[in-house]
Each structure stands twice: as structure tokens, then as C-alpha cells.
Amino acid sequence: MSQDNLLDRIAIDPNICHGSPYIRGHQIWVSLILDYLAGGSTIEQIIEIYPELETEDILACLAYSTEANRCSSVERQLHMKHEVELSK
């Protein structure tokens, strides 16, 4: 499954999950799944806890995190470059 297809499984709606990214159709926060993974849980263990999820939902959370980090990193670099130019 491509990165774009995985990202289609993630949604952001200000009226759902307080505007935090969530798994489309499940109202389970992306950050919750990432916390489980960071804590050492496997995909299989997470699916045991949330049997309505599929492996691709967990992978979508990772894809979202990667994309969010990439965008944040680019924004920081552009901001730092702008600050340097202003200080000249």
C-alpha cells in the first residue's frame, strides 16, 4: 500500500477527537497508536486491544507521523533560513 493510500486512512476534523489526527471511521487518535508502538507494543498487540483496526490503520499512523515530522522539519529549516537572512 502506498504512502498516499495509507494517509487516506487518517482524518482531522475539529469536531472529532478535539481536532487531533485520528484513524478515519474509528475516532482513535494517531498519537495513542504511536504511544503504544513507542512503548514496545506490536501491531498484533494493538489489534488485540482494538480489534476493529487493521494492520494498514497502524501503518497509516506511522506514515502520518513521518509526514508530519518531515513537514515540521522543512518548516523549521525555512524559518531558520528566514531569520538568518533578516539578521544580515
Protein backbone atom coordinates (compact mmCIF):
# COMPACT_ATOMS: atom_id res chain seq x y z
CA MET A 1 0.00 0.00 0.00
CA SER A 2 1.40 3.39 -0.96
CA GLN A 3 2.08 6.25 1.45
CA ASP A 4 -0.80 8.25 -0.07
CA ASN A 5 -3.22 5.35 0.35
CA LEU A 6 -2.16 4.94 3.96
CA LEU A 7 -2.61 8.66 4.63
CA ASP A 8 -6.18 8.41 3.32
CA ARG A 9 -6.92 6.40 6.48
CA ILE A 10 -6.11 9.41 8.69
CA ALA A 11 -8.51 12.30 9.20
CA ILE A 12 -8.54 15.62 11.03
CA ASP A 13 -11.85 17.21 11.96
CA PRO A 14 -12.19 19.95 14.58
CA ASN A 15 -15.41 18.29 15.76
CA ILE A 16 -13.88 14.84 16.27
CA CYS A 17 -11.17 13.93 18.79
CA HIS A 18 -10.73 17.62 19.65
CA GLY A 19 -9.19 18.24 16.22
CA SER A 20 -6.38 15.73 16.71
CA PRO A 21 -5.49 13.37 13.85
CA TYR A 22 -7.43 10.12 14.15
CA ILE A 23 -7.97 6.89 12.27
CA ARG A 24 -10.85 7.53 9.87
CA GLY A 25 -14.05 5.83 11.00
CA HIS A 26 -12.73 4.87 14.44
CA GLN A 27 -12.12 8.03 16.50
CA ILE A 28 -8.86 6.54 17.76
CA TRP A 29 -6.11 9.14 18.00
CA VAL A 30 -2.99 8.65 15.90
CA SER A 31 -0.95 9.70 18.93
CA LEU A 32 -2.46 6.90 21.02
CA ILE A 33 -1.35 4.29 18.49
CA LEU A 34 2.10 5.89 18.27
CA ASP A 35 2.34 5.78 22.08
CA TYR A 36 1.60 2.04 22.02
CA LEU A 37 4.28 1.50 19.36
CA ALA A 38 6.81 3.65 21.22
CA GLY A 39 6.08 1.61 24.34
CA GLY A 40 7.05 -1.56 22.54
CA SER A 41 3.63 -2.90 21.55
CA THR A 42 3.47 -4.80 18.30
CA ILE A 43 0.88 -4.25 15.61
CA GLU A 44 -0.70 -7.55 16.61
CA GLN A 45 -0.97 -6.45 20.25
CA ILE A 46 -2.60 -3.16 19.27
CA ILE A 47 -5.11 -5.01 17.10
CA GLU A 48 -5.91 -7.27 20.08
CA ILE A 49 -6.78 -4.13 22.07
CA TYR A 50 -8.62 -2.51 19.15
CA PRO A 51 -9.91 -5.41 17.02
CA GLU A 52 -11.76 -3.03 14.70
CA LEU A 53 -8.39 -1.79 13.40
CA GLU A 54 -6.46 -3.30 10.52
CA THR A 55 -2.71 -3.52 10.08
CA GLU A 56 -2.94 -0.76 7.48
CA ASP A 57 -4.51 1.57 10.09
CA ILE A 58 -1.44 1.16 12.30
CA LEU A 59 0.87 1.68 9.33
CA ALA A 60 -1.14 4.78 8.44
CA CYS A 61 -0.36 6.22 11.87
CA LEU A 62 3.34 5.69 11.23
CA ALA A 63 3.04 7.22 7.75
CA TYR A 64 1.23 10.24 9.19
CA SER A 65 3.91 10.68 11.85
CA THR A 66 6.65 10.50 9.24
CA GLU A 67 4.92 13.03 7.01
CA ALA A 68 4.18 15.39 9.91
CA ASN A 69 7.80 15.22 11.04
CA ARG A 70 9.05 15.85 7.51
CA CYS A 71 6.81 18.91 7.12
CA SER A 72 7.75 20.23 10.55
CA SER A 73 11.44 19.81 9.77
CA VAL A 74 11.09 21.67 6.47
CA GLU A 75 9.15 24.48 8.16
CA ARG A 76 11.87 24.83 10.82
CA GLN A 77 14.59 24.96 8.16
CA LEU A 78 12.73 27.64 6.22
CA HIS A 79 12.11 29.64 9.39
CA MET A 80 15.79 29.45 10.40
CA LYS A 81 16.88 30.46 6.87
CA HIS A 82 14.50 33.43 7.00
CA GLU A 83 15.88 34.51 10.39
CA VAL A 84 19.45 34.36 9.06
CA GLU A 85 18.50 36.47 6.04
CA LEU A 86 16.82 39.04 8.29
CA SER A 87 19.89 39.33 10.51
CA LYS A 88 22.16 40.27 7.58
